[in-house]
C-alpha cells in the first residue's frame, strides 16, 4: 500500500468520526496594533469562544505594537473589545469576527 493511500484512509477515517472534529477546528485570530505603553498589557473581553464581558484575557505581545489572541473554540461570531490592563476600555463600538476569521485593528484609547 502506498503512503498516499494510507494517508487518504486516515483522513477519511478522521472525517467520518465526530469525536475527531474538534481536532480539526479552524483558528480564529484577533490582533491589535497599538502601543499601550511600557509595563502595560492589552486584554480582550467579549462573548463567544470562552470570552467574558466580566473578566478579560491577556493577549500575547508579539512586538511593542502588536498583540494577538487566538482560539480554535469559536463556534459562532465573536464580539469583543480591548482593554489596557483590563481596566481602560477602547473607544468606539464593539468589534466582531467570524469563526476562522482574522481581525486586525488599531484600537484607540482615551487616557
PDB file of N, CA and C in Angstrom:
ATOM      1  N   UNK A   1       0.855  -1.178   0.000  1.00  0.00           N
ATOM      2  CA  UNK A   1       0.000   0.000   0.000  1.00  0.00           C
ATOM      3  C   UNK A   1       0.899   1.238   0.000  1.00  0.00           C
ATOM      4  N   UNK A   2       0.595   2.203  -0.826  1.00  0.00           N
ATOM      5  CA  UNK A   2       1.423   3.403  -0.914  1.00  0.00           C
ATOM      6  C   UNK A   2       1.156   4.326   0.267  1.00  0.00           C
ATOM      7  N   UNK A   3       2.102   5.227   0.493  1.00  0.00           N
ATOM      8  CA  UNK A   3       1.942   6.183   1.597  1.00  0.00           C
ATOM      9  C   UNK A   3       0.733   7.083   1.367  1.00  0.00           C
ATOM     10  N   UNK A   4       0.480   7.475   0.098  1.00  0.00           N
ATOM     11  CA  UNK A   4      -0.666   8.324  -0.206  1.00  0.00           C
ATOM     12  C   UNK A   4      -1.973   7.645   0.137  1.00  0.00           C
ATOM     13  N   UNK A   5      -2.087   6.356  -0.183  1.00  0.00           N
ATOM     14  CA  UNK A   5      -3.309   5.614   0.107  1.00  0.00           C
ATOM     15  C   UNK A   5      -3.528   5.524   1.614  1.00  0.00           C
ATOM     16  N   UNK A   6      -2.473   5.270   2.368  1.00  0.00           N
ATOM     17  CA  UNK A   6      -2.585   5.206   3.827  1.00  0.00           C
ATOM     18  C   UNK A   6      -3.016   6.552   4.397  1.00  0.00           C
ATOM     19  N   UNK A   7      -2.434   7.631   3.894  1.00  0.00           N
ATOM     20  CA  UNK A   7      -2.794   8.975   4.372  1.00  0.00           C
ATOM     21  C   UNK A   7      -4.245   9.291   4.054  1.00  0.00           C
ATOM     22  N   UNK A   8      -4.690   8.920   2.859  1.00  0.00           N
ATOM     23  CA  UNK A   8      -6.085   9.171   2.477  1.00  0.00           C
ATOM     24  C   UNK A   8      -7.044   8.410   3.375  1.00  0.00           C
ATOM     25  N   UNK A   9      -6.712   7.157   3.717  1.00  0.00           N
ATOM     26  CA  UNK A   9      -7.573   6.366   4.599  1.00  0.00           C
ATOM     27  C   UNK A   9      -7.657   6.990   5.986  1.00  0.00           C
ATOM     28  N   UNK A  10      -6.510   7.491   6.504  1.00  0.00           N
ATOM     29  CA  UNK A  10      -6.525   8.144   7.814  1.00  0.00           C
ATOM     30  C   UNK A  10      -7.374   9.406   7.775  1.00  0.00           C
ATOM     31  N   UNK A  11      -7.272  10.175   6.686  1.00  0.00           N
ATOM     32  CA  UNK A  11      -8.051  11.407   6.538  1.00  0.00           C
ATOM     33  C   UNK A  11      -9.537  11.088   6.490  1.00  0.00           C
ATOM     34  N   UNK A  12      -9.922  10.078   5.707  1.00  0.00           N
ATOM     35  CA  UNK A  12     -11.328   9.690   5.609  1.00  0.00           C
ATOM     36  C   UNK A  12     -11.848   9.196   6.956  1.00  0.00           C
ATOM     37  N   UNK A  13     -11.051   8.418   7.670  1.00  0.00           N
ATOM     38  CA  UNK A  13     -11.445   7.899   8.974  1.00  0.00           C
ATOM     39  C   UNK A  13     -11.699   9.045   9.951  1.00  0.00           C
ATOM     40  N   UNK A  14     -10.813  10.042   9.967  1.00  0.00           N
ATOM     41  CA  UNK A  14     -10.977  11.193  10.862  1.00  0.00           C
ATOM     42  C   UNK A  14     -12.214  11.997  10.494  1.00  0.00           C
ATOM     43  N   UNK A  15     -12.467  12.160   9.206  1.00  0.00           N
ATOM     44  CA  UNK A  15     -13.606  12.951   8.753  1.00  0.00           C
ATOM     45  C   UNK A  15     -14.936  12.291   9.097  1.00  0.00           C
ATOM     46  N   UNK A  16     -14.958  10.970   9.181  1.00  0.00           N
ATOM     47  CA  UNK A  16     -16.195  10.247   9.444  1.00  0.00           C
ATOM     48  C   UNK A  16     -16.470  10.032  10.925  1.00  0.00           C
ATOM     49  N   UNK A  17     -15.609  10.510  11.805  1.00  0.00           N
ATOM     50  CA  UNK A  17     -15.791  10.331  13.241  1.00  0.00           C
ATOM     51  C   UNK A  17     -15.927  11.691  13.910  1.00  0.00           C
ATOM     52  N   UNK A  18     -17.123  12.010  14.439  1.00  0.00           N
ATOM     53  CA  UNK A  18     -17.358  13.311  15.063  1.00  0.00           C
ATOM     54  C   UNK A  18     -16.388  13.633  16.190  1.00  0.00           C
ATOM     55  N   UNK A  19     -15.909  12.612  16.917  1.00  0.00           N
ATOM     56  CA  UNK A  19     -15.005  12.882  18.019  1.00  0.00           C
ATOM     57  C   UNK A  19     -13.683  13.462  17.536  1.00  0.00           C
ATOM     58  N   UNK A  20     -13.383  13.310  16.257  1.00  0.00           N
ATOM     59  CA  UNK A  20     -12.159  13.859  15.686  1.00  0.00           C
ATOM     60  C   UNK A  20     -12.367  15.273  15.139  1.00  0.00           C
ATOM     61  N   UNK A  21     -13.611  15.714  15.097  1.00  0.00           N
ATOM     62  CA  UNK A  21     -13.906  17.020  14.515  1.00  0.00           C
ATOM     63  C   UNK A  21     -13.228  18.150  15.269  1.00  0.00           C
ATOM     64  N   UNK A  22     -13.177  18.053  16.613  1.00  0.00           N
ATOM     65  CA  UNK A  22     -12.575  19.120  17.398  1.00  0.00           C
ATOM     66  C   UNK A  22     -11.101  19.313  17.073  1.00  0.00           C
ATOM     67  N   UNK A  23     -10.426  18.246  16.706  1.00  0.00           N
ATOM     68  CA  UNK A  23      -9.011  18.336  16.395  1.00  0.00           C
ATOM     69  C   UNK A  23      -8.758  19.148  15.131  1.00  0.00           C
ATOM     70  N   UNK A  24      -9.775  19.261  14.276  1.00  0.00           N
ATOM     71  CA  UNK A  24      -9.578  19.949  13.009  1.00  0.00           C
ATOM     72  C   UNK A  24     -10.257  21.317  12.962  1.00  0.00           C
ATOM     73  N   UNK A  25     -10.631  21.869  14.115  1.00  0.00           N
ATOM     74  CA  UNK A  25     -11.260  23.185  14.139  1.00  0.00           C
ATOM     75  C   UNK A  25     -10.305  24.237  13.607  1.00  0.00           C
ATOM     76  N   UNK A  26     -10.872  25.226  12.967  1.00  0.00           N
ATOM     77  CA  UNK A  26     -10.038  26.268  12.380  1.00  0.00           C
ATOM     78  C   UNK A  26      -9.732  27.365  13.396  1.00  0.00           C
ATOM     79  N   UNK A  27      -8.609  27.994  13.199  1.00  0.00           N
ATOM     80  CA  UNK A  27      -8.133  29.026  14.122  1.00  0.00           C
ATOM     81  C   UNK A  27      -8.757  30.382  13.791  1.00  0.00           C
ATOM     82  N   UNK A  28      -9.198  31.062  14.824  1.00  0.00           N
ATOM     83  CA  UNK A  28      -9.684  32.435  14.720  1.00  0.00           C
ATOM     84  C   UNK A  28      -8.643  33.321  15.387  1.00  0.00           C
ATOM     85  N   UNK A  29      -8.252  34.388  14.703  1.00  0.00           N
ATOM     86  CA  UNK A  29      -7.202  35.277  15.203  1.00  0.00           C
ATOM     87  C   UNK A  29      -7.727  36.697  15.319  1.00  0.00           C
ATOM     88  N   UNK A  30      -7.489  37.298  16.468  1.00  0.00           N
ATOM     89  CA  UNK A  30      -7.824  38.705  16.691  1.00  0.00           C
ATOM     90  C   UNK A  30      -6.532  39.412  17.074  1.00  0.00           C
ATOM     91  N   UNK A  31      -6.165  40.404  16.290  1.00  0.00           N
ATOM     92  CA  UNK A  31      -4.912  41.130  16.514  1.00  0.00           C
ATOM     93  C   UNK A  31      -5.190  42.619  16.664  1.00  0.00           C
ATOM     94  N   UNK A  32      -4.385  43.257  17.512  1.00  0.00           N
ATOM     95  CA  UNK A  32      -4.479  44.701  17.721  1.00  0.00           C
ATOM     96  C   UNK A  32      -3.099  45.306  17.521  1.00  0.00           C
ATOM     97  N   UNK A  33      -3.064  46.360  16.760  1.00  0.00           N
ATOM     98  CA  UNK A  33      -1.816  47.095  16.551  1.00  0.00           C
ATOM     99  C   UNK A  33      -1.938  48.418  17.293  1.00  0.00           C
ATOM    100  N   UNK A  34      -1.313  48.421  18.479  1.00  0.00           N
ATOM    101  CA  UNK A  34      -1.429  49.590  19.339  1.00  0.00           C
ATOM    102  C   UNK A  34      -0.280  49.584  20.352  1.00  0.00           C
ATOM    103  N   UNK A  35       0.215  50.781  20.685  1.00  0.00           N
ATOM    104  CA  UNK A  35       1.217  50.941  21.735  1.00  0.00           C
ATOM    105  C   UNK A  35       0.470  51.248  23.028  1.00  0.00           C
ATOM    106  N   UNK A  36       0.514  50.323  23.984  1.00  0.00           N
ATOM    107  CA  UNK A  36      -0.204  50.520  25.248  1.00  0.00           C
ATOM    108  C   UNK A  36       0.696  51.083  26.338  1.00  0.00           C
ATOM    109  N   UNK A  37       1.930  51.398  25.989  1.00  0.00           N
ATOM    110  CA  UNK A  37       2.856  51.976  26.959  1.00  0.00           C
ATOM    111  C   UNK A  37       3.647  50.913  27.694  1.00  0.00           C
ATOM    112  N   UNK A  38       4.871  51.257  28.039  1.00  0.00           N
ATOM    113  CA  UNK A  38       5.774  50.327  28.724  1.00  0.00           C
ATOM    114  C   UNK A  38       5.165  49.853  30.038  1.00  0.00           C
ATOM    115  N   UNK A  39       5.191  48.550  30.267  1.00  0.00           N
ATOM    116  CA  UNK A  39       4.691  47.980  31.509  1.00  0.00           C
ATOM    117  C   UNK A  39       3.203  47.675  31.517  1.00  0.00           C
ATOM    118  N   UNK A  40       2.506  48.042  30.456  1.00  0.00           N
ATOM    119  CA  UNK A  40       1.070  47.775  30.368  1.00  0.00           C
ATOM    120  C   UNK A  40       0.810  46.557  29.488  1.00  0.00           C
ATOM    121  N   UNK A  41      -0.377  45.982  29.638  1.00  0.00           N
ATOM    122  CA  UNK A  41      -0.778  44.831  28.835  1.00  0.00           C
ATOM    123  C   UNK A  41      -2.128  45.086  28.195  1.00  0.00           C
ATOM    124  N   UNK A  42      -2.364  44.407  27.086  1.00  0.00           N
ATOM    125  CA  UNK A  42      -3.648  44.511  26.403  1.00  0.00           C
ATOM    126  C   UNK A  42      -4.468  43.255  26.690  1.00  0.00           C
ATOM    127  N   UNK A  43      -5.730  43.476  27.020  1.00  0.00           N
ATOM    128  CA  UNK A  43      -6.664  42.392  27.319  1.00  0.00           C
ATOM    129  C   UNK A  43      -7.804  42.429  26.320  1.00  0.00           C
ATOM    130  N   UNK A  44      -8.511  41.299  26.232  1.00  0.00           N
ATOM    131  CA  UNK A  44      -9.695  41.224  25.389  1.00  0.00           C
ATOM    132  C   UNK A  44     -10.844  40.693  26.240  1.00  0.00           C
ATOM    133  N   UNK A  45     -12.026  41.305  26.079  1.00  0.00           N
ATOM    134  CA  UNK A  45     -13.253  40.829  26.715  1.00  0.00           C
ATOM    135  C   UNK A  45     -14.306  40.703  25.629  1.00  0.00           C
ATOM    136  N   UNK A  46     -15.297  39.878  25.870  1.00  0.00           N
ATOM    137  CA  UNK A  46     -16.353  39.747  24.877  1.00  0.00           C
ATOM    138  C   UNK A  46     -17.257  38.573  25.103  1.00  0.00           C
ATOM    139  N   UNK A  47     -17.812  38.093  23.991  1.00  0.00           N
ATOM    140  CA  UNK A  47     -18.750  36.983  24.024  1.00  0.00           C
ATOM    141  C   UNK A  47     -18.431  36.036  22.888  1.00  0.00           C
ATOM    142  N   UNK A  48     -18.365  34.743  23.230  1.00  0.00           N
ATOM    143  CA  UNK A  48     -18.045  33.713  22.251  1.00  0.00           C
ATOM    144  C   UNK A  48     -16.629  33.207  22.458  1.00  0.00           C
ATOM    145  N   UNK A  49     -16.421  31.942  22.159  1.00  0.00           N
ATOM    146  CA  UNK A  49     -15.092  31.303  22.241  1.00  0.00           C
ATOM    147  C   UNK A  49     -14.462  31.435  23.630  1.00  0.00           C
ATOM    148  N   UNK A  50     -15.293  31.410  24.659  1.00  0.00           N
ATOM    149  CA  UNK A  50     -14.780  31.454  26.024  1.00  0.00           C
ATOM    150  C   UNK A  50     -14.515  32.836  26.577  1.00  0.00           C
ATOM    151  N   UNK A  51     -14.759  33.873  25.808  1.00  0.00           N
ATOM    152  CA  UNK A  51     -14.567  35.242  26.317  1.00  0.00           C
ATOM    153  C   UNK A  51     -15.726  35.640  27.218  1.00  0.00           C
ATOM    154  N   UNK A  52     -15.463  36.605  28.080  1.00  0.00           N
ATOM    155  CA  UNK A  52     -16.462  37.106  29.017  1.00  0.00           C
ATOM    156  C   UNK A  52     -16.407  38.632  29.018  1.00  0.00           C
ATOM    157  N   UNK A  53     -17.544  39.264  29.252  1.00  0.00           N
ATOM    158  CA  UNK A  53     -17.572  40.717  29.398  1.00  0.00           C
ATOM    159  C   UNK A  53     -17.143  41.126  30.803  1.00  0.00           C
ATOM    160  N   UNK A  54     -17.039  40.181  31.727  1.00  0.00           N
ATOM    161  CA  UNK A  54     -16.725  40.491  33.123  1.00  0.00           C
ATOM    162  C   UNK A  54     -15.238  40.474  33.448  1.00  0.00           C
ATOM    163  N   UNK A  55     -14.496  39.567  32.833  1.00  0.00           N
ATOM    164  CA  UNK A  55     -13.068  39.415  33.110  1.00  0.00           C
ATOM    165  C   UNK A  55     -12.328  39.254  31.793  1.00  0.00           C
ATOM    166  N   UNK A  56     -11.262  40.027  31.621  1.00  0.00           N
ATOM    167  CA  UNK A  56     -10.505  39.972  30.383  1.00  0.00           C
ATOM    168  C   UNK A  56      -9.478  38.853  30.342  1.00  0.00           C
ATOM    169  N   UNK A  57      -9.028  38.559  29.129  1.00  0.00           N
ATOM    170  CA  UNK A  57      -7.972  37.585  28.884  1.00  0.00           C
ATOM    171  C   UNK A  57      -6.785  38.354  28.316  1.00  0.00           C
ATOM    172  N   UNK A  58      -5.613  38.173  28.923  1.00  0.00           N
ATOM    173  CA  UNK A  58      -4.437  38.884  28.446  1.00  0.00           C
ATOM    174  C   UNK A  58      -4.067  38.380  27.049  1.00  0.00           C
ATOM    175  N   UNK A  59      -3.694  39.299  26.183  1.00  0.00           N
ATOM    176  CA  UNK A  59      -3.311  38.946  24.818  1.00  0.00           C
ATOM    177  C   UNK A  59      -1.805  38.715  24.744  1.00  0.00           C
ATOM    178  N   UNK A  60      -1.378  37.964  23.754  1.00  0.00           N
ATOM    179  CA  UNK A  60       0.045  37.705  23.550  1.00  0.00           C
ATOM    180  C   UNK A  60       0.694  38.909  22.879  1.00  0.00           C
ATOM    181  N   UNK A  61       1.780  39.378  23.445  1.00  0.00           N
ATOM    182  CA  UNK A  61       2.506  40.529  22.918  1.00  0.00           C
ATOM    183  C   UNK A  61       3.604  40.037  21.976  1.00  0.00           C
ATOM    184  N   UNK A  62       3.419  40.269  20.668  1.00  0.00           N
ATOM    185  CA  UNK A  62       4.381  39.814  19.661  1.00  0.00           C
ATOM    186  C   UNK A  62       5.486  40.823  19.402  1.00  0.00           C
ATOM    187  N   UNK A  63       5.171  42.097  19.572  1.00  0.00           N
ATOM    188  CA  UNK A  63       6.139  43.176  19.386  1.00  0.00           C
ATOM    189  C   UNK A  63       5.607  44.379  20.159  1.00  0.00           C
ATOM    190  N   UNK A  64       6.381  45.469  20.250  1.00  0.00           N
ATOM    191  CA  UNK A  64       5.893  46.622  21.030  1.00  0.00           C
ATOM    192  C   UNK A  64       4.525  47.146  20.579  1.00  0.00           C
ATOM    193  N   UNK A  65       4.151  46.878  19.340  1.00  0.00           N
ATOM    194  CA  UNK A  65       2.898  47.424  18.810  1.00  0.00           C
ATOM    195  C   UNK A  65       1.930  46.352  18.306  1.00  0.00           C
ATOM    196  N   UNK A  66       2.168  45.089  18.631  1.00  0.00           N
ATOM    197  CA  UNK A  66       1.279  44.047  18.115  1.00  0.00           C
ATOM    198  C   UNK A  66       0.910  43.030  19.197  1.00  0.00           C
ATOM    199  N   UNK A  67      -0.403  42.858  19.357  1.00  0.00           N
ATOM    200  CA  UNK A  67      -0.976  41.953  20.350  1.00  0.00           C
ATOM    201  C   UNK A  67      -1.912  40.985  19.643  1.00  0.00           C
ATOM    202  N   UNK A  68      -1.900  39.708  20.067  1.00  0.00           N
ATOM    203  CA  UNK A  68      -2.713  38.700  19.387  1.00  0.00           C
ATOM    204  C   UNK A  68      -3.394  37.779  20.391  1.00  0.00           C
ATOM    205  N   UNK A  69      -4.639  37.426  20.086  1.00  0.00           N
ATOM    206  CA  UNK A  69      -5.382  36.398  20.810  1.00  0.00           C
ATOM    207  C   UNK A  69      -5.909  35.427  19.770  1.00  0.00           C
ATOM    208  N   UNK A  70      -5.704  34.131  19.998  1.00  0.00           N
ATOM    209  CA  UNK A  70      -6.150  33.111  19.054  1.00  0.00           C
ATOM    210  C   UNK A  70      -6.965  32.052  19.774  1.00  0.00           C
ATOM    211  N   UNK A  71      -7.897  31.458  19.029  1.00  0.00           N
ATOM    212  CA  UNK A  71      -8.725  30.389  19.580  1.00  0.00           C
ATOM    213  C   UNK A  71      -9.087  29.406  18.482  1.00  0.00           C
ATOM    214  N   UNK A  72      -9.329  28.181  18.893  1.00  0.00           N
ATOM    215  CA  UNK A  72      -9.874  27.170  17.985  1.00  0.00           C
ATOM    216  C   UNK A  72     -11.246  26.712  18.475  1.00  0.00           C
ATOM    217  N   UNK A  73     -11.816  27.442  19.435  1.00  0.00           N
ATOM    218  CA  UNK A  73     -13.098  27.032  20.008  1.00  0.00           C
ATOM    219  C   UNK A  73     -14.274  27.888  19.551  1.00  0.00           C
ATOM    220  N   UNK A  74     -14.074  28.762  18.573  1.00  0.00           N
ATOM    221  CA  UNK A  74     -15.164  29.621  18.110  1.00  0.00           C
ATOM    222  C   UNK A  74     -16.170  28.805  17.300  1.00  0.00           C
ATOM    223  N   UNK A  75     -17.411  28.826  17.756  1.00  0.00           N
ATOM    224  CA  UNK A  75     -18.477  28.126  17.042  1.00  0.00           C
ATOM    225  C   UNK A  75     -19.480  29.108  16.445  1.00  0.00           C
ATOM    226  N   UNK A  76     -19.405  30.351  16.897  1.00  0.00           N
ATOM    227  CA  UNK A  76     -20.278  31.407  16.381  1.00  0.00           C
ATOM    228  C   UNK A  76     -19.476  32.704  16.364  1.00  0.00           C
ATOM    229  N   UNK A  77     -20.080  33.743  15.842  1.00  0.00           N
ATOM    230  CA  UNK A  77     -19.431  35.049  15.753  1.00  0.00           C
ATOM    231  C   UNK A  77     -18.950  35.501  17.137  1.00  0.00           C
ATOM    232  N   UNK A  78     -17.759  36.084  17.200  1.00  0.00           N
ATOM    233  CA  UNK A  78     -17.179  36.585  18.447  1.00  0.00           C
ATOM    234  C   UNK A  78     -17.336  38.099  18.466  1.00  0.00           C
ATOM    235  N   UNK A  79     -17.898  38.622  19.541  1.00  0.00           N
ATOM    236  CA  UNK A  79     -17.997  40.070  19.744  1.00  0.00           C
ATOM    237  C   UNK A  79     -17.015  40.420  20.859  1.00  0.00           C
ATOM    238  N   UNK A  80     -16.264  41.518  20.693  1.00  0.00           N
ATOM    239  CA  UNK A  80     -15.199  41.798  21.657  1.00  0.00           C
ATOM    240  C   UNK A  80     -14.818  43.277  21.694  1.00  0.00           C
ATOM    241  N   UNK A  81     -14.059  43.606  22.748  1.00  0.00           N
ATOM    242  CA  UNK A  81     -13.416  44.916  22.896  1.00  0.00           C
ATOM    243  C   UNK A  81     -12.080  44.698  23.592  1.00  0.00           C
ATOM    244  N   UNK A  82     -11.167  45.639  23.376  1.00  0.00           N
ATOM    245  CA  UNK A  82      -9.848  45.599  24.006  1.00  0.00           C
ATOM    246  C   UNK A  82      -9.824  46.519  25.215  1.00  0.00           C
ATOM    247  N   UNK A  83      -8.984  46.163  26.191  1.00  0.00           N
ATOM    248  CA  UNK A  83      -8.794  46.984  27.388  1.00  0.00           C
ATOM    249  C   UNK A  83      -7.306  47.033  27.728  1.00  0.00           C
ATOM    250  N   UNK A  84      -6.852  48.180  28.187  1.00  0.00           N
ATOM    251  CA  UNK A  84      -5.488  48.286  28.701  1.00  0.00           C
ATOM    252  C   UNK A  84      -5.533  47.888  30.170  1.00  0.00           C
ATOM    253  N   UNK A  85      -4.693  46.922  30.526  1.00  0.00           N
ATOM    254  CA  UNK A  85      -4.607  46.395  31.891  1.00  0.00           C
ATOM    255  C   UNK A  85      -5.952  45.912  32.446  1.00  0.00           C
ATOM    256  N   UNK A  86      -6.826  45.498  31.548  1.00  0.00           N
ATOM    257  CA  UNK A  86      -8.161  45.005  31.888  1.00  0.00           C
ATOM    258  C   UNK A  86      -8.980  46.043  32.650  1.00  0.00           C
ATOM    259  N   UNK A  87      -8.678  47.344  32.406  1.00  0.00           N
ATOM    260  CA  UNK A  87      -9.385  48.430  33.098  1.00  0.00           C
ATOM    261  C   UNK A  87      -9.895  49.509  32.145  1.00  0.00           C
ATOM    262  N   UNK A  88      -9.067  49.948  31.215  1.00  0.00           N
ATOM    263  CA  UNK A  88      -9.416  51.056  30.326  1.00  0.00           C
ATOM    264  C   UNK A  88      -9.928  50.520  28.990  1.00  0.00           C
ATOM    265  N   UNK A  89     -11.231  50.738  28.732  1.00  0.00           N
ATOM    266  CA  UNK A  89     -11.864  50.227  27.517  1.00  0.00           C
ATOM    267  C   UNK A  89     -11.438  51.027  26.293  1.00  0.00           C
ATOM    268  N   UNK A  90     -11.342  50.341  25.182  1.00  0.00           N
ATOM    269  CA  UNK A  90     -11.062  51.032  23.918  1.00  0.00           C
ATOM    270  C   UNK A  90     -12.249  51.907  23.543  1.00  0.00           C
ATOM    271  N   UNK A  91     -12.006  52.935  22.730  1.00  0.00           N
ATOM    272  CA  UNK A  91     -13.062  53.816  22.245  1.00  0.00           C
ATOM    273  C   UNK A  91     -13.898  53.107  21.179  1.00  0.00           C
ATOM    274  N   UNK A  92     -15.140  53.555  21.033  1.00  0.00           N
ATOM    275  CA  UNK A  92     -15.971  53.075  19.924  1.00  0.00           C
ATOM    276  C   UNK A  92     -16.819  51.861  20.250  1.00  0.00           C
ATOM    277  N   UNK A  93     -17.444  51.358  19.193  1.00  0.00           N
ATOM    278  CA  UNK A  93     -18.369  50.227  19.288  1.00  0.00           C
ATOM    279  C   UNK A  93     -17.624  48.914  19.462  1.00  0.00           C
ATOM    280  N   UNK A  94     -18.371  47.897  19.871  1.00  0.00           N
ATOM    281  CA  UNK A  94     -17.815  46.556  19.941  1.00  0.00           C
ATOM    282  C   UNK A  94     -17.395  46.108  18.545  1.00  0.00           C
ATOM    283  N   UNK A  95     -16.402  45.231  18.502  1.00  0.00           N
ATOM    284  CA  UNK A  95     -15.945  44.672  17.238  1.00  0.00           C
ATOM    285  C   UNK A  95     -16.386  43.217  17.168  1.00  0.00           C
ATOM    286  N   UNK A  96     -16.288  42.611  15.981  1.00  0.00           N
ATOM    287  CA  UNK A  96     -16.661  41.203  15.864  1.00  0.00           C
ATOM    288  C   UNK A  96     -15.911  40.550  14.715  1.00  0.00           C
ATOM    289  N   UNK A  97     -15.845  39.224  14.791  1.00  0.00           N
ATOM    290  CA  UNK A  97     -15.250  38.430  13.729  1.00  0.00           C
ATOM    291  C   UNK A  97     -15.919  37.070  13.706  1.00  0.00           C
ATOM    292  N   UNK A  98     -15.864  36.411  12.570  1.00  0.00           N
ATOM    293  CA  UNK A  98     -16.469  35.091  12.398  1.00  0.00           C
ATOM    294  C   UNK A  98     -15.483  33.991  12.742  1.00  0.00           C
ATOM    295  N   UNK A  99     -15.988  32.803  13.084  1.00  0.00           N
ATOM    296  CA  UNK A  99     -15.090  31.676  13.323  1.00  0.00           C
ATOM    297  C   UNK A  99     -14.195  31.433  12.110  1.00  0.00           C
ATOM    298  N   UNK A 100     -12.919  31.248  12.370  1.00  0.00           N
ATOM    299  CA  UNK A 100     -11.959  31.039  11.293  1.00  0.00           C
ATOM    300  C   UNK A 100     -11.440  32.323  10.676  1.00  0.00           C
ATOM    301  N   UNK A 101     -11.969  33.449  11.129  1.00  0.00           N
ATOM    302  CA  UNK A 101     -11.557  34.736  10.575  1.00  0.00           C
ATOM    303  C   UNK A 101     -10.311  35.293  11.245  1.00  0.00           C
ATOM    304  N   UNK A 102      -9.770  36.312  10.614  1.00  0.00           N
ATOM    305  CA  UNK A 102      -8.660  37.065  11.176  1.00  0.00           C
ATOM    306  C   UNK A 102      -9.062  38.528  11.192  1.00  0.00           C
ATOM    307  N   UNK A 103      -9.018  39.123  12.350  1.00  0.00           N
ATOM    308  CA  UNK A 103      -9.357  40.542  12.509  1.00  0.00           C
ATOM    309  C   UNK A 103      -8.121  41.275  13.000  1.00  0.00           C
ATOM    310  N   UNK A 104      -7.724  42.305  12.259  1.00  0.00           N
ATOM    311  CA  UNK A 104      -6.581  43.134  12.651  1.00  0.00           C
ATOM    312  C   UNK A 104      -7.076  44.568  12.738  1.00  0.00           C
ATOM    313  N   UNK A 105      -6.981  45.164  13.927  1.00  0.00           N
ATOM    314  CA  UNK A 105      -7.457  46.528  14.115  1.00  0.00           C
ATOM    315  C   UNK A 105      -6.424  47.369  14.848  1.00  0.00           C
ATOM    316  N   UNK A 106      -6.666  48.662  14.839  1.00  0.00           N
ATOM    317  CA  UNK A 106      -5.812  49.613  15.552  1.00  0.00           C
ATOM    318  C   UNK A 106      -6.699  50.379  16.541  1.00  0.00           C
ATOM    319  N   UNK A 107      -6.971  49.808  17.701  1.00  0.00           N
ATOM    320  CA  UNK A 107      -7.862  50.455  18.651  1.00  0.00           C
ATOM    321  C   UNK A 107      -7.267  51.753  19.219  1.00  0.00           C
ATOM    322  N   UNK A 108      -8.156  52.643  19.621  1.00  0.00           N
ATOM    323  CA  UNK A 108      -7.725  53.882  20.263  1.00  0.00           C
ATOM    324  C   UNK A 108      -8.278  53.924  21.679  1.00  0.00           C
ATOM    325  N   UNK A 109      -7.567  54.630  22.544  1.00  0.00           N
ATOM    326  CA  UNK A 109      -7.935  54.744  23.957  1.00  0.00           C
ATOM    327  C   UNK A 109      -7.850  56.201  24.368  1.00  0.00           C
ATOM    328  N   UNK A 110      -8.726  56.617  25.270  1.00  0.00           N
ATOM    329  CA  UNK A 110      -8.677  57.962  25.840  1.00  0.00           C
ATOM    330  C   UNK A 110      -8.048  57.848  27.226  1.00  0.00           C
ATOM    331  N   UNK A 111      -6.805  58.280  27.345  1.00  0.00           N
ATOM    332  CA  UNK A 111      -6.070  58.159  28.605  1.00  0.00           C
ATOM    333  C   UNK A 111      -6.549  59.204  29.539  1.00  0.00           C
TER     334      UNK A 111
END
